[in-house]
């Protein structure tokens, strides 16, 4: 029996944080922090107490993103 990962709609996040680096929760439902570069996003997330965030850059909304 195979399990298929559930698709996650990041369109609202993409609109708000387009072309920025973000620190996401592991369930990809919450943005802990954002920045102009990965170091800034990670630093802000750590300062907010989130040491285990996923750091990724969001493209402009017209680009498909697969994580």
C-alpha atoms as a PDB file:
ATOM      1  CA  UNK A   1       0.000   0.000   0.000  1.00  0.00           C
ATOM      2  CA  UNK A   2       1.466   3.352  -1.001  1.00  0.00           C
ATOM      3  CA  UNK A   3       0.559   6.640   0.572  1.00  0.00           C
ATOM      4  CA  UNK A   4       0.412   9.746  -1.520  1.00  0.00           C
ATOM      5  CA  UNK A   5       1.491  13.059   0.033  1.00  0.00           C
ATOM      6  CA  UNK A   6      -1.268  15.597   0.450  1.00  0.00           C
ATOM      7  CA  UNK A   7      -1.061  18.644  -1.803  1.00  0.00           C
ATOM      8  CA  UNK A   8      -0.638  21.925   0.058  1.00  0.00           C
ATOM      9  CA  UNK A   9      -1.957  25.176  -1.379  1.00  0.00           C
ATOM     10  CA  UNK A  10       0.718  27.833  -0.900  1.00  0.00           C
ATOM     11  CA  UNK A  11      -0.910  30.408  -3.181  1.00  0.00           C
ATOM     12  CA  UNK A  12      -1.798  32.835  -0.362  1.00  0.00           C
ATOM     13  CA  UNK A  13       1.721  32.625   1.035  1.00  0.00           C
ATOM     14  CA  UNK A  14       3.186  33.115  -2.434  1.00  0.00           C
ATOM     15  CA  UNK A  15       1.161  36.295  -2.951  1.00  0.00           C
ATOM     16  CA  UNK A  16       2.227  37.830   0.353  1.00  0.00           C
ATOM     17  CA  UNK A  17       5.893  36.790   0.303  1.00  0.00           C
ATOM     18  CA  UNK A  18       6.666  36.702  -3.427  1.00  0.00           C
ATOM     19  CA  UNK A  19      10.374  36.775  -4.235  1.00  0.00           C
ATOM     20  CA  UNK A  20      11.313  36.562  -0.525  1.00  0.00           C
ATOM     21  CA  UNK A  21      12.965  33.915   1.578  1.00  0.00           C
ATOM     22  CA  UNK A  22      10.667  32.398   4.208  1.00  0.00           C
ATOM     23  CA  UNK A  23      10.974  30.173   7.243  1.00  0.00           C
ATOM     24  CA  UNK A  24       8.094  27.663   7.119  1.00  0.00           C
ATOM     25  CA  UNK A  25       6.752  25.258   9.710  1.00  0.00           C
ATOM     26  CA  UNK A  26       7.251  21.562   8.875  1.00  0.00           C
ATOM     27  CA  UNK A  27       3.552  21.151   8.074  1.00  0.00           C
ATOM     28  CA  UNK A  28       3.930  24.166   5.722  1.00  0.00           C
ATOM     29  CA  UNK A  29       0.904  25.877   7.241  1.00  0.00           C
ATOM     30  CA  UNK A  30       2.660  28.747   9.021  1.00  0.00           C
ATOM     31  CA  UNK A  31       5.310  31.258   7.995  1.00  0.00           C
ATOM     32  CA  UNK A  32       7.568  31.914  10.982  1.00  0.00           C
ATOM     33  CA  UNK A  33       9.617  34.678   9.345  1.00  0.00           C
ATOM     34  CA  UNK A  34      10.693  36.174   6.045  1.00  0.00           C
ATOM     35  CA  UNK A  35      13.681  38.060   4.711  1.00  0.00           C
ATOM     36  CA  UNK A  36      15.564  39.236   1.667  1.00  0.00           C
ATOM     37  CA  UNK A  37      18.054  36.345   2.019  1.00  0.00           C
ATOM     38  CA  UNK A  38      18.069  32.900   3.685  1.00  0.00           C
ATOM     39  CA  UNK A  39      20.248  34.020   6.594  1.00  0.00           C
ATOM     40  CA  UNK A  40      17.848  36.825   7.497  1.00  0.00           C
ATOM     41  CA  UNK A  41      14.792  34.524   7.385  1.00  0.00           C
ATOM     42  CA  UNK A  42      16.544  31.875   9.481  1.00  0.00           C
ATOM     43  CA  UNK A  43      17.799  34.412  12.031  1.00  0.00           C
ATOM     44  CA  UNK A  44      14.325  35.903  12.494  1.00  0.00           C
ATOM     45  CA  UNK A  45      12.785  32.438  12.871  1.00  0.00           C
ATOM     46  CA  UNK A  46      15.377  31.415  15.488  1.00  0.00           C
ATOM     47  CA  UNK A  47      14.841  34.667  17.390  1.00  0.00           C
ATOM     48  CA  UNK A  48      11.120  33.823  17.473  1.00  0.00           C
ATOM     49  CA  UNK A  49      11.960  30.388  18.937  1.00  0.00           C
ATOM     50  CA  UNK A  50      11.646  28.290  15.787  1.00  0.00           C
ATOM     51  CA  UNK A  51      14.902  26.377  15.343  1.00  0.00           C
ATOM     52  CA  UNK A  52      13.505  23.732  12.997  1.00  0.00           C
ATOM     53  CA  UNK A  53      12.016  25.808  10.174  1.00  0.00           C
ATOM     54  CA  UNK A  54      12.181  24.975   6.484  1.00  0.00           C
ATOM     55  CA  UNK A  55      13.990  27.811   4.686  1.00  0.00           C
ATOM     56  CA  UNK A  56      12.985  28.352   1.059  1.00  0.00           C
ATOM     57  CA  UNK A  57      12.623  31.135  -1.466  1.00  0.00           C
ATOM     58  CA  UNK A  58       9.200  31.827  -2.894  1.00  0.00           C
ATOM     59  CA  UNK A  59       9.122  32.721  -6.562  1.00  0.00           C
ATOM     60  CA  UNK A  60       6.731  35.198  -8.114  1.00  0.00           C
ATOM     61  CA  UNK A  61       3.105  33.956  -8.090  1.00  0.00           C
ATOM     62  CA  UNK A  62       3.133  32.988 -11.773  1.00  0.00           C
ATOM     63  CA  UNK A  63       5.769  30.277 -11.184  1.00  0.00           C
ATOM     64  CA  UNK A  64       4.873  26.758 -10.045  1.00  0.00           C
ATOM     65  CA  UNK A  65       6.547  25.735  -6.773  1.00  0.00           C
ATOM     66  CA  UNK A  66       7.080  22.094  -5.793  1.00  0.00           C
ATOM     67  CA  UNK A  67       8.712  21.306  -2.442  1.00  0.00           C
END
